Amino acid sequence: LKSEPVYARECVHTLQGRTSWLKEGRVVRVGEDPYKIVKARPKWDRMTGSMTKDEPLEVFGHWQTEKYIPPPAVDGKVPRNEYGNVELFKPWMLPKGCAHIPINGMTRLLRKLNIDAAPAMMGWDFSGRGCHPIYDGVVVCEEFVDTIMDAWNQEQALKSEREEEKREKRVLDNWRRLIKGLFIREN
């Protein structure tokens, strides 16, 4: 222990790569040089079917980053990342002029209403083999929220009404079958 250097806690900092900082809701400032370049962990490349090793990874400290400010919505179009969704790892990552609707299964309704929306990616799931994105609802422009919610509520009311009719029909069919069975036994 005597040969090991000892540092004060305020002198020790955690360094992360650009994607790790984005998951924290921060981005590296423009023009910042990496504090350190290290070897990245080995990754499985699906395209070539081999393991990539010894890739350099640029790491940055908290003092080299700033809060992520997403691009605003323009003309009813939700800004997306390169994969076609909106990353909402932190509350301030919601684009200006947009609203998050945390209801899954709205894509058919949105397509029917012809309203632009993007899936809201909330984080990553590391279970099983590899990691998978976690989606929770959609991100739409604020001016369409009332229209969407009204249409959603109407659709849910129709759905519950159809389910109730289906249940009643099943109950009546069961009674009909029981009564027919009793008539056959009497004869």
N, C-alpha and C. Protein backbone atom coordinates (compact mmCIF):
# COMPACT_ATOMS: atom_id res chain seq x y z
N LEU A 1 0.83 -1.20 0.00
CA LEU A 1 0.00 0.00 0.00
C LEU A 1 0.87 1.26 0.00
N LYS A 2 2.05 1.17 0.60
CA LYS A 2 2.89 2.36 0.66
C LYS A 2 3.44 2.75 -0.71
N SER A 3 3.55 1.78 -1.60
CA SER A 3 4.09 2.09 -2.93
C SER A 3 3.01 2.65 -3.88
N GLU A 4 1.73 2.52 -3.52
CA GLU A 4 0.63 3.00 -4.35
C GLU A 4 0.37 4.48 -4.07
N PRO A 5 0.15 5.29 -5.12
CA PRO A 5 -0.17 6.70 -4.88
C PRO A 5 -1.60 6.86 -4.35
N VAL A 6 -1.81 7.85 -3.50
CA VAL A 6 -3.12 8.13 -2.93
C VAL A 6 -3.55 9.51 -3.41
N TYR A 7 -4.81 9.59 -3.92
CA TYR A 7 -5.32 10.85 -4.46
C TYR A 7 -6.57 11.26 -3.68
N ALA A 8 -6.79 12.57 -3.60
CA ALA A 8 -8.00 13.09 -2.98
C ALA A 8 -9.19 12.80 -3.90
N ARG A 9 -10.38 12.63 -3.34
CA ARG A 9 -11.56 12.30 -4.14
C ARG A 9 -11.88 13.36 -5.18
N GLU A 10 -11.65 14.64 -4.85
CA GLU A 10 -11.96 15.69 -5.82
C GLU A 10 -11.00 15.70 -7.00
N CYS A 11 -9.91 14.96 -6.91
CA CYS A 11 -8.96 14.87 -8.01
C CYS A 11 -9.23 13.69 -8.94
N VAL A 12 -10.12 12.78 -8.54
CA VAL A 12 -10.42 11.60 -9.34
C VAL A 12 -11.73 11.84 -10.11
N HIS A 13 -11.70 11.66 -11.43
CA HIS A 13 -12.86 11.90 -12.28
C HIS A 13 -13.16 10.66 -13.12
N THR A 14 -14.43 10.49 -13.46
CA THR A 14 -14.84 9.39 -14.33
C THR A 14 -14.84 9.90 -15.76
N LEU A 15 -14.19 9.15 -16.64
CA LEU A 15 -14.14 9.50 -18.05
C LEU A 15 -15.04 8.55 -18.82
N GLN A 16 -15.76 9.07 -19.83
CA GLN A 16 -16.66 8.25 -20.63
C GLN A 16 -16.54 8.66 -22.09
N GLY A 17 -16.98 7.74 -22.97
CA GLY A 17 -17.01 8.02 -24.40
C GLY A 17 -18.20 8.88 -24.77
N ARG A 18 -18.26 9.27 -26.05
CA ARG A 18 -19.33 10.16 -26.51
C ARG A 18 -20.72 9.54 -26.33
N THR A 19 -20.88 8.25 -26.66
CA THR A 19 -22.19 7.62 -26.54
C THR A 19 -22.60 7.47 -25.08
N SER A 20 -21.65 7.21 -24.20
CA SER A 20 -21.98 7.10 -22.78
C SER A 20 -22.42 8.45 -22.22
N TRP A 21 -21.81 9.53 -22.68
CA TRP A 21 -22.22 10.85 -22.21
C TRP A 21 -23.62 11.18 -22.73
N LEU A 22 -23.94 10.72 -23.96
CA LEU A 22 -25.28 10.97 -24.50
C LEU A 22 -26.34 10.27 -23.66
N LYS A 23 -26.03 9.08 -23.15
CA LYS A 23 -26.97 8.36 -22.28
C LYS A 23 -27.19 9.10 -20.97
N GLU A 24 -26.25 9.96 -20.59
CA GLU A 24 -26.39 10.78 -19.39
C GLU A 24 -27.05 12.13 -19.69
N GLY A 25 -27.41 12.35 -20.98
CA GLY A 25 -28.04 13.61 -21.36
C GLY A 25 -27.05 14.73 -21.59
N ARG A 26 -25.81 14.38 -21.93
CA ARG A 26 -24.77 15.37 -22.16
C ARG A 26 -24.06 15.06 -23.48
N VAL A 27 -23.48 16.08 -24.09
CA VAL A 27 -22.70 15.90 -25.31
C VAL A 27 -21.34 16.58 -25.12
N VAL A 28 -20.36 16.07 -25.84
CA VAL A 28 -19.02 16.66 -25.79
C VAL A 28 -19.05 17.98 -26.54
N ARG A 29 -18.44 19.01 -25.96
CA ARG A 29 -18.40 20.33 -26.59
C ARG A 29 -17.66 20.25 -27.92
N VAL A 30 -18.06 21.11 -28.84
CA VAL A 30 -17.41 21.15 -30.15
C VAL A 30 -15.96 21.62 -29.99
N GLY A 31 -15.06 20.93 -30.64
CA GLY A 31 -13.65 21.31 -30.60
C GLY A 31 -12.87 20.76 -29.42
N GLU A 32 -13.51 19.98 -28.55
CA GLU A 32 -12.80 19.41 -27.40
C GLU A 32 -11.95 18.23 -27.85
N ASP A 33 -10.71 18.21 -27.38
CA ASP A 33 -9.83 17.07 -27.61
C ASP A 33 -10.07 16.05 -26.51
N PRO A 34 -9.99 14.76 -26.82
CA PRO A 34 -10.21 13.75 -25.78
C PRO A 34 -9.15 13.87 -24.67
N TYR A 35 -9.59 13.68 -23.43
CA TYR A 35 -8.65 13.73 -22.32
C TYR A 35 -7.68 12.55 -22.41
N LYS A 36 -8.19 11.44 -22.92
CA LYS A 36 -7.38 10.23 -23.02
C LYS A 36 -7.95 9.36 -24.14
N ILE A 37 -7.10 8.56 -24.77
CA ILE A 37 -7.55 7.59 -25.76
C ILE A 37 -7.17 6.21 -25.24
N VAL A 38 -8.18 5.35 -25.06
CA VAL A 38 -7.96 4.01 -24.51
C VAL A 38 -8.44 2.97 -25.51
N LYS A 39 -8.14 1.71 -25.23
CA LYS A 39 -8.65 0.62 -26.07
C LYS A 39 -10.08 0.32 -25.64
N ALA A 40 -10.99 0.26 -26.63
CA ALA A 40 -12.38 -0.05 -26.33
C ALA A 40 -12.53 -1.54 -26.05
N ARG A 41 -13.62 -1.89 -25.39
CA ARG A 41 -13.90 -3.30 -25.14
C ARG A 41 -14.14 -4.02 -26.46
N PRO A 42 -13.81 -5.30 -26.53
CA PRO A 42 -14.07 -6.04 -27.78
C PRO A 42 -15.57 -6.10 -28.05
N LYS A 43 -15.92 -5.94 -29.34
CA LYS A 43 -17.32 -5.96 -29.74
C LYS A 43 -17.52 -6.98 -30.84
N TRP A 44 -18.71 -7.57 -30.89
CA TRP A 44 -19.05 -8.52 -31.94
C TRP A 44 -19.60 -7.75 -33.13
N ASP A 45 -18.94 -7.89 -34.28
CA ASP A 45 -19.38 -7.24 -35.51
C ASP A 45 -20.30 -8.19 -36.26
N ARG A 46 -21.59 -7.85 -36.34
CA ARG A 46 -22.57 -8.74 -36.97
C ARG A 46 -22.37 -8.84 -38.48
N MET A 47 -21.88 -7.78 -39.09
CA MET A 47 -21.71 -7.77 -40.54
C MET A 47 -20.64 -8.77 -40.99
N THR A 48 -19.51 -8.77 -40.32
CA THR A 48 -18.42 -9.67 -40.72
C THR A 48 -18.45 -10.98 -39.96
N GLY A 49 -19.17 -11.01 -38.83
CA GLY A 49 -19.23 -12.23 -38.03
C GLY A 49 -17.96 -12.48 -37.25
N SER A 50 -17.26 -11.42 -36.87
CA SER A 50 -16.01 -11.57 -36.12
C SER A 50 -15.97 -10.58 -34.96
N MET A 51 -15.00 -10.77 -34.11
CA MET A 51 -14.83 -9.92 -32.94
C MET A 51 -13.85 -8.79 -33.29
N THR A 52 -14.25 -7.54 -33.02
CA THR A 52 -13.34 -6.41 -33.27
C THR A 52 -12.64 -6.08 -31.96
N LYS A 53 -11.32 -6.02 -32.05
CA LYS A 53 -10.50 -5.74 -30.86
C LYS A 53 -9.59 -4.56 -31.13
N ASP A 54 -9.03 -4.02 -30.09
CA ASP A 54 -8.03 -2.95 -30.15
C ASP A 54 -8.52 -1.71 -30.89
N GLU A 55 -9.82 -1.42 -30.79
CA GLU A 55 -10.36 -0.20 -31.37
C GLU A 55 -10.08 0.95 -30.40
N PRO A 56 -9.62 2.12 -30.89
CA PRO A 56 -9.39 3.24 -29.99
C PRO A 56 -10.71 3.88 -29.56
N LEU A 57 -10.79 4.32 -28.31
CA LEU A 57 -11.97 4.98 -27.77
C LEU A 57 -11.54 6.29 -27.14
N GLU A 58 -12.12 7.38 -27.63
CA GLU A 58 -11.83 8.69 -27.06
C GLU A 58 -12.71 8.90 -25.84
N VAL A 59 -12.10 9.21 -24.71
CA VAL A 59 -12.88 9.44 -23.48
C VAL A 59 -12.73 10.88 -23.04
N PHE A 60 -13.82 11.40 -22.45
CA PHE A 60 -13.90 12.80 -22.04
C PHE A 60 -14.39 12.88 -20.61
N GLY A 61 -14.04 13.96 -19.93
CA GLY A 61 -14.49 14.21 -18.57
C GLY A 61 -15.74 15.07 -18.56
N HIS A 62 -16.36 15.17 -17.39
CA HIS A 62 -17.60 15.96 -17.24
C HIS A 62 -17.36 17.41 -17.60
N TRP A 63 -16.20 17.96 -17.31
CA TRP A 63 -15.89 19.35 -17.59
C TRP A 63 -15.76 19.63 -19.10
N GLN A 64 -15.69 18.57 -19.92
CA GLN A 64 -15.58 18.72 -21.37
C GLN A 64 -16.94 18.56 -22.07
N THR A 65 -18.01 18.41 -21.27
CA THR A 65 -19.33 18.18 -21.86
C THR A 65 -20.27 19.33 -21.50
N GLU A 66 -21.42 19.36 -22.20
CA GLU A 66 -22.47 20.31 -21.90
C GLU A 66 -23.81 19.59 -22.02
N LYS A 67 -24.85 20.20 -21.48
CA LYS A 67 -26.18 19.61 -21.52
C LYS A 67 -26.63 19.46 -22.97
N TYR A 68 -27.25 18.31 -23.28
CA TYR A 68 -27.72 18.06 -24.64
C TYR A 68 -28.96 18.90 -24.92
N ILE A 69 -28.92 19.64 -26.02
CA ILE A 69 -30.07 20.44 -26.45
C ILE A 69 -30.52 19.88 -27.79
N PRO A 70 -31.69 19.23 -27.83
CA PRO A 70 -32.14 18.62 -29.09
C PRO A 70 -32.61 19.67 -30.09
N PRO A 71 -32.60 19.33 -31.38
CA PRO A 71 -33.12 20.28 -32.37
C PRO A 71 -34.64 20.42 -32.21
N PRO A 72 -35.19 21.61 -32.47
CA PRO A 72 -36.64 21.82 -32.30
C PRO A 72 -37.44 21.20 -33.45
N ALA A 73 -38.73 21.00 -33.20
CA ALA A 73 -39.64 20.51 -34.24
C ALA A 73 -39.94 21.64 -35.21
N VAL A 74 -39.92 21.30 -36.51
CA VAL A 74 -40.17 22.31 -37.53
C VAL A 74 -41.27 21.82 -38.46
N ASP A 75 -42.29 22.64 -38.68
CA ASP A 75 -43.40 22.34 -39.60
C ASP A 75 -44.09 21.02 -39.29
N GLY A 76 -44.29 20.72 -38.03
CA GLY A 76 -45.00 19.49 -37.65
C GLY A 76 -44.18 18.22 -37.79
N LYS A 77 -42.87 18.33 -38.02
CA LYS A 77 -41.99 17.17 -38.16
C LYS A 77 -41.15 17.01 -36.89
N VAL A 78 -41.17 15.81 -36.34
CA VAL A 78 -40.40 15.51 -35.13
C VAL A 78 -38.96 15.19 -35.53
N PRO A 79 -37.96 15.86 -34.92
CA PRO A 79 -36.57 15.54 -35.24
C PRO A 79 -36.20 14.15 -34.71
N ARG A 80 -35.47 13.37 -35.53
CA ARG A 80 -35.13 11.99 -35.18
C ARG A 80 -33.61 11.81 -35.20
N ASN A 81 -33.17 10.69 -34.60
CA ASN A 81 -31.76 10.33 -34.73
C ASN A 81 -31.58 9.50 -36.00
N GLU A 82 -30.39 8.96 -36.21
CA GLU A 82 -30.13 8.21 -37.46
C GLU A 82 -30.91 6.91 -37.56
N TYR A 83 -31.50 6.45 -36.44
CA TYR A 83 -32.28 5.21 -36.45
C TYR A 83 -33.79 5.47 -36.54
N GLY A 84 -34.19 6.73 -36.62
CA GLY A 84 -35.60 7.07 -36.79
C GLY A 84 -36.39 7.20 -35.51
N ASN A 85 -35.72 7.31 -34.35
CA ASN A 85 -36.45 7.50 -33.10
C ASN A 85 -35.90 8.70 -32.34
N VAL A 86 -36.53 9.04 -31.22
CA VAL A 86 -36.08 10.15 -30.38
C VAL A 86 -35.53 9.56 -29.09
N GLU A 87 -34.30 9.95 -28.75
CA GLU A 87 -33.67 9.45 -27.52
C GLU A 87 -34.11 10.32 -26.35
N LEU A 88 -34.80 9.70 -25.38
CA LEU A 88 -35.30 10.43 -24.20
C LEU A 88 -34.70 9.83 -22.94
N PHE A 89 -33.37 9.81 -22.86
CA PHE A 89 -32.73 9.25 -21.68
C PHE A 89 -32.97 10.12 -20.45
N LYS A 90 -33.08 11.42 -20.66
CA LYS A 90 -33.33 12.38 -19.59
C LYS A 90 -34.48 13.30 -20.01
N PRO A 91 -35.18 13.93 -19.06
CA PRO A 91 -36.34 14.77 -19.42
C PRO A 91 -36.00 15.95 -20.34
N TRP A 92 -34.81 16.52 -20.23
CA TRP A 92 -34.45 17.67 -21.04
C TRP A 92 -34.08 17.30 -22.48
N MET A 93 -34.11 16.02 -22.82
CA MET A 93 -33.78 15.58 -24.17
C MET A 93 -35.00 15.61 -25.11
N LEU A 94 -36.16 16.02 -24.59
CA LEU A 94 -37.37 16.15 -25.42
C LEU A 94 -37.22 17.38 -26.31
N PRO A 95 -37.38 17.24 -27.63
CA PRO A 95 -37.23 18.39 -28.53
C PRO A 95 -38.25 19.48 -28.22
N LYS A 96 -37.84 20.72 -28.43
CA LYS A 96 -38.72 21.87 -28.18
C LYS A 96 -39.86 21.83 -29.19
N GLY A 97 -41.09 22.05 -28.70
CA GLY A 97 -42.26 22.01 -29.56
C GLY A 97 -42.85 20.62 -29.69
N CYS A 98 -42.34 19.66 -28.91
CA CYS A 98 -42.83 18.28 -28.96
C CYS A 98 -43.36 17.86 -27.60
N ALA A 99 -44.14 16.79 -27.60
CA ALA A 99 -44.69 16.22 -26.37
C ALA A 99 -44.51 14.72 -26.42
N HIS A 100 -44.30 14.13 -25.23
CA HIS A 100 -44.14 12.67 -25.12
C HIS A 100 -45.46 12.08 -24.67
N ILE A 101 -45.98 11.12 -25.45
CA ILE A 101 -47.20 10.41 -25.08
C ILE A 101 -46.78 8.98 -24.71
N PRO A 102 -46.79 8.63 -23.42
CA PRO A 102 -46.29 7.31 -23.00
C PRO A 102 -47.30 6.17 -23.18
N ILE A 103 -47.86 6.05 -24.37
CA ILE A 103 -48.82 4.97 -24.68
C ILE A 103 -48.26 4.20 -25.86
N ASN A 104 -48.07 2.90 -25.70
CA ASN A 104 -47.59 2.07 -26.80
C ASN A 104 -48.75 1.63 -27.67
N GLY A 105 -48.48 1.34 -28.93
CA GLY A 105 -49.50 0.82 -29.84
C GLY A 105 -50.30 1.90 -30.54
N MET A 106 -49.72 3.09 -30.73
CA MET A 106 -50.46 4.17 -31.37
C MET A 106 -50.09 4.34 -32.85
N THR A 107 -49.18 3.54 -33.37
CA THR A 107 -48.67 3.77 -34.73
C THR A 107 -49.77 3.68 -35.78
N ARG A 108 -50.69 2.72 -35.66
CA ARG A 108 -51.77 2.58 -36.63
C ARG A 108 -52.66 3.82 -36.61
N LEU A 109 -53.00 4.30 -35.42
CA LEU A 109 -53.84 5.49 -35.27
C LEU A 109 -53.14 6.71 -35.86
N LEU A 110 -51.86 6.87 -35.59
CA LEU A 110 -51.11 8.02 -36.09
C LEU A 110 -51.00 7.99 -37.62
N ARG A 111 -50.84 6.79 -38.17
CA ARG A 111 -50.78 6.65 -39.62
C ARG A 111 -52.14 7.02 -40.24
N LYS A 112 -53.22 6.60 -39.56
CA LYS A 112 -54.57 6.90 -40.04
C LYS A 112 -54.85 8.41 -40.00
N LEU A 113 -54.34 9.08 -38.95
CA LEU A 113 -54.53 10.53 -38.82
C LEU A 113 -53.52 11.32 -39.65
N ASN A 114 -52.53 10.63 -40.21
CA ASN A 114 -51.46 11.25 -41.02
C ASN A 114 -50.68 12.29 -40.19
N ILE A 115 -50.30 11.90 -38.97
CA ILE A 115 -49.53 12.76 -38.07
C ILE A 115 -48.15 12.16 -37.90
N ASP A 116 -47.13 13.03 -38.00
CA ASP A 116 -45.74 12.58 -37.85
C ASP A 116 -45.44 12.30 -36.39
N ALA A 117 -44.86 11.14 -36.12
CA ALA A 117 -44.49 10.75 -34.76
C ALA A 117 -43.25 9.87 -34.82
N ALA A 118 -42.50 9.86 -33.74
CA ALA A 118 -41.30 9.03 -33.65
C ALA A 118 -41.35 8.24 -32.35
N PRO A 119 -40.90 6.98 -32.36
CA PRO A 119 -40.86 6.20 -31.12
C PRO A 119 -39.93 6.86 -30.09
N ALA A 120 -40.31 6.80 -28.83
CA ALA A 120 -39.51 7.39 -27.75
C ALA A 120 -38.63 6.31 -27.13
N MET A 121 -37.33 6.41 -27.36
CA MET A 121 -36.38 5.44 -26.80
C MET A 121 -35.94 5.93 -25.42
N MET A 122 -36.26 5.14 -24.39
CA MET A 122 -36.02 5.56 -23.02
C MET A 122 -34.72 5.03 -22.42
N GLY A 123 -34.16 3.98 -23.03
CA GLY A 123 -32.94 3.41 -22.48
C GLY A 123 -32.59 2.11 -23.19
N TRP A 124 -31.79 1.30 -22.51
CA TRP A 124 -31.30 0.04 -23.08
C TRP A 124 -31.59 -1.11 -22.14
N ASP A 125 -31.91 -2.28 -22.72
CA ASP A 125 -32.12 -3.51 -21.96
C ASP A 125 -30.95 -4.43 -22.28
N PHE A 126 -30.21 -4.83 -21.25
CA PHE A 126 -29.02 -5.65 -21.44
C PHE A 126 -29.26 -7.12 -21.11
N SER A 127 -30.51 -7.55 -21.11
CA SER A 127 -30.79 -8.95 -20.82
C SER A 127 -30.62 -9.78 -22.08
N GLY A 128 -30.36 -11.05 -21.89
CA GLY A 128 -30.19 -11.94 -23.04
C GLY A 128 -28.85 -11.68 -23.72
N ARG A 129 -28.81 -11.89 -25.02
CA ARG A 129 -27.59 -11.69 -25.76
C ARG A 129 -27.60 -10.29 -26.38
N GLY A 130 -26.68 -9.47 -25.97
CA GLY A 130 -26.59 -8.12 -26.50
C GLY A 130 -27.53 -7.16 -25.79
N CYS A 131 -27.65 -5.98 -26.34
CA CYS A 131 -28.53 -4.97 -25.74
C CYS A 131 -29.60 -4.57 -26.76
N HIS A 132 -30.76 -4.23 -26.23
CA HIS A 132 -31.90 -3.87 -27.06
C HIS A 132 -32.49 -2.56 -26.54
N PRO A 133 -32.96 -1.70 -27.43
CA PRO A 133 -33.55 -0.44 -26.97
C PRO A 133 -34.90 -0.66 -26.28
N ILE A 134 -35.20 0.20 -25.31
CA ILE A 134 -36.48 0.18 -24.61
C ILE A 134 -37.29 1.37 -25.11
N TYR A 135 -38.47 1.09 -25.66
CA TYR A 135 -39.34 2.14 -26.17
C TYR A 135 -40.53 2.32 -25.24
N ASP A 136 -40.94 3.58 -25.06
CA ASP A 136 -42.10 3.88 -24.24
C ASP A 136 -42.90 4.99 -24.90
N GLY A 137 -43.87 4.62 -25.70
CA GLY A 137 -44.73 5.61 -26.33
C GLY A 137 -44.11 6.27 -27.53
N VAL A 138 -44.65 7.46 -27.85
CA VAL A 138 -44.22 8.20 -29.03
C VAL A 138 -43.99 9.67 -28.68
N VAL A 139 -43.24 10.34 -29.56
CA VAL A 139 -43.03 11.78 -29.44
C VAL A 139 -43.72 12.43 -30.64
N VAL A 140 -44.61 13.39 -30.36
CA VAL A 140 -45.36 14.09 -31.41
C VAL A 140 -45.23 15.59 -31.17
N CYS A 141 -45.60 16.38 -32.17
CA CYS A 141 -45.62 17.83 -32.01
C CYS A 141 -46.77 18.22 -31.08
N GLU A 142 -46.54 19.27 -30.29
CA GLU A 142 -47.51 19.67 -29.26
C GLU A 142 -48.88 20.02 -29.83
N GLU A 143 -48.93 20.56 -31.06
CA GLU A 143 -50.22 20.99 -31.61
C GLU A 143 -51.14 19.82 -31.93
N PHE A 144 -50.60 18.59 -32.01
CA PHE A 144 -51.42 17.43 -32.35
C PHE A 144 -51.84 16.59 -31.14
N VAL A 145 -51.38 16.93 -29.96
CA VAL A 145 -51.63 16.09 -28.77
C VAL A 145 -53.12 15.93 -28.49
N ASP A 146 -53.89 17.03 -28.51
CA ASP A 146 -55.33 16.95 -28.22
C ASP A 146 -56.06 16.10 -29.24
N THR A 147 -55.72 16.28 -30.52
CA THR A 147 -56.35 15.49 -31.59
C THR A 147 -56.07 14.01 -31.40
N ILE A 148 -54.82 13.70 -31.11
CA ILE A 148 -54.41 12.29 -30.94
C ILE A 148 -55.11 11.67 -29.75
N MET A 149 -55.15 12.38 -28.63
CA MET A 149 -55.76 11.81 -27.42
C MET A 149 -57.27 11.63 -27.59
N ASP A 150 -57.93 12.56 -28.27
CA ASP A 150 -59.37 12.39 -28.54
C ASP A 150 -59.61 11.16 -29.40
N ALA A 151 -58.82 11.02 -30.47
CA ALA A 151 -58.97 9.85 -31.36
C ALA A 151 -58.64 8.56 -30.62
N TRP A 152 -57.63 8.60 -29.75
CA TRP A 152 -57.25 7.40 -28.97
C TRP A 152 -58.37 6.99 -28.02
N ASN A 153 -58.95 7.98 -27.33
CA ASN A 153 -60.05 7.69 -26.40
C ASN A 153 -61.27 7.13 -27.13
N GLN A 154 -61.58 7.68 -28.29
CA GLN A 154 -62.71 7.16 -29.08
C GLN A 154 -62.43 5.72 -29.52
N GLU A 155 -61.20 5.47 -29.96
CA GLU A 155 -60.84 4.12 -30.40
C GLU A 155 -60.90 3.12 -29.25
N GLN A 156 -60.46 3.53 -28.06
CA GLN A 156 -60.51 2.64 -26.90
C GLN A 156 -61.95 2.36 -26.48
N ALA A 157 -62.83 3.38 -26.59
CA ALA A 157 -64.24 3.19 -26.26
C ALA A 157 -64.88 2.20 -27.24
N LEU A 158 -64.59 2.34 -28.53
CA LEU A 158 -65.10 1.40 -29.54
C LEU A 158 -64.58 -0.01 -29.29
N LYS A 159 -63.32 -0.10 -28.93
CA LYS A 159 -62.71 -1.41 -28.68
C LYS A 159 -63.37 -2.10 -27.49
N SER A 160 -63.58 -1.35 -26.39
CA SER A 160 -64.23 -1.96 -25.22
C SER A 160 -65.68 -2.33 -25.53
N GLU A 161 -66.36 -1.51 -26.35
CA GLU A 161 -67.73 -1.81 -26.74
C GLU A 161 -67.79 -3.10 -27.57
N ARG A 162 -66.84 -3.25 -28.52
CA ARG A 162 -66.78 -4.47 -29.33
C ARG A 162 -66.50 -5.70 -28.48
N GLU A 163 -65.60 -5.55 -27.50
CA GLU A 163 -65.29 -6.67 -26.61
C GLU A 163 -66.50 -7.07 -25.77
N GLU A 164 -67.27 -6.07 -25.31
CA GLU A 164 -68.48 -6.35 -24.53
C GLU A 164 -69.52 -7.07 -25.38
N GLU A 165 -69.69 -6.62 -26.64
CA GLU A 165 -70.63 -7.30 -27.54
C GLU A 165 -70.18 -8.74 -27.80
N LYS A 166 -68.92 -8.94 -27.98
CA LYS A 166 -68.38 -10.28 -28.21
C LYS A 166 -68.63 -11.18 -27.01
N ARG A 167 -68.44 -10.63 -25.80
CA ARG A 167 -68.67 -11.40 -24.58
C ARG A 167 -70.15 -11.76 -24.44
N GLU A 168 -71.02 -10.79 -24.70
CA GLU A 168 -72.47 -11.06 -24.62
C GLU A 168 -72.89 -12.13 -25.63
N LYS A 169 -72.36 -12.06 -26.84
CA LYS A 169 -72.68 -13.06 -27.86
C LYS A 169 -72.23 -14.45 -27.40
N ARG A 170 -71.04 -14.51 -26.80
CA ARG A 170 -70.53 -15.80 -26.31
C ARG A 170 -71.43 -16.35 -25.19
N VAL A 171 -71.88 -15.48 -24.29
CA VAL A 171 -72.76 -15.89 -23.19
C VAL A 171 -74.08 -16.41 -23.75
N LEU A 172 -74.68 -15.66 -24.68
CA LEU A 172 -75.95 -16.09 -25.29
C LEU A 172 -75.80 -17.41 -26.05
N ASP A 173 -74.70 -17.58 -26.77
CA ASP A 173 -74.46 -18.84 -27.48
C ASP A 173 -74.32 -20.00 -26.50
N ASN A 174 -73.65 -19.75 -25.37
CA ASN A 174 -73.51 -20.81 -24.36
C ASN A 174 -74.88 -21.21 -23.80
N TRP A 175 -75.76 -20.20 -23.51
CA TRP A 175 -77.09 -20.51 -23.01
C TRP A 175 -77.90 -21.29 -24.06
N ARG A 176 -77.82 -20.83 -25.33
CA ARG A 176 -78.53 -21.50 -26.41
C ARG A 176 -78.10 -22.96 -26.52
N ARG A 177 -76.79 -23.19 -26.43
CA ARG A 177 -76.27 -24.56 -26.51
C ARG A 177 -76.77 -25.40 -25.33
N LEU A 178 -76.81 -24.83 -24.12
CA LEU A 178 -77.28 -25.54 -22.92
C LEU A 178 -78.77 -25.91 -23.08
N ILE A 179 -79.59 -24.96 -23.53
CA ILE A 179 -81.03 -25.21 -23.68
C ILE A 179 -81.29 -26.26 -24.76
N LYS A 180 -80.57 -26.19 -25.89
CA LYS A 180 -80.72 -27.20 -26.94
C LYS A 180 -80.33 -28.58 -26.43
N GLY A 181 -79.28 -28.63 -25.62
CA GLY A 181 -78.87 -29.92 -25.03
C GLY A 181 -79.92 -30.47 -24.12
N LEU A 182 -80.60 -29.62 -23.33
CA LEU A 182 -81.67 -30.08 -22.44
C LEU A 182 -82.88 -30.56 -23.22
N PHE A 183 -83.25 -29.85 -24.33
CA PHE A 183 -84.36 -30.30 -25.16
C PHE A 183 -84.07 -31.67 -25.77
N ILE A 184 -82.87 -31.90 -26.22
CA ILE A 184 -82.51 -33.18 -26.83
C ILE A 184 -82.59 -34.28 -25.80
N ARG A 185 -82.20 -34.04 -24.57
CA ARG A 185 -82.24 -35.08 -23.52
C ARG A 185 -83.70 -35.43 -23.16
N GLU A 186 -84.58 -34.40 -23.15
CA GLU A 186 -86.00 -34.66 -22.81
C GLU A 186 -86.68 -35.53 -23.88
N ASN A 187 -86.32 -35.33 -25.09
CA ASN A 187 -86.98 -36.10 -26.18
C ASN A 187 -86.35 -37.42 -26.29
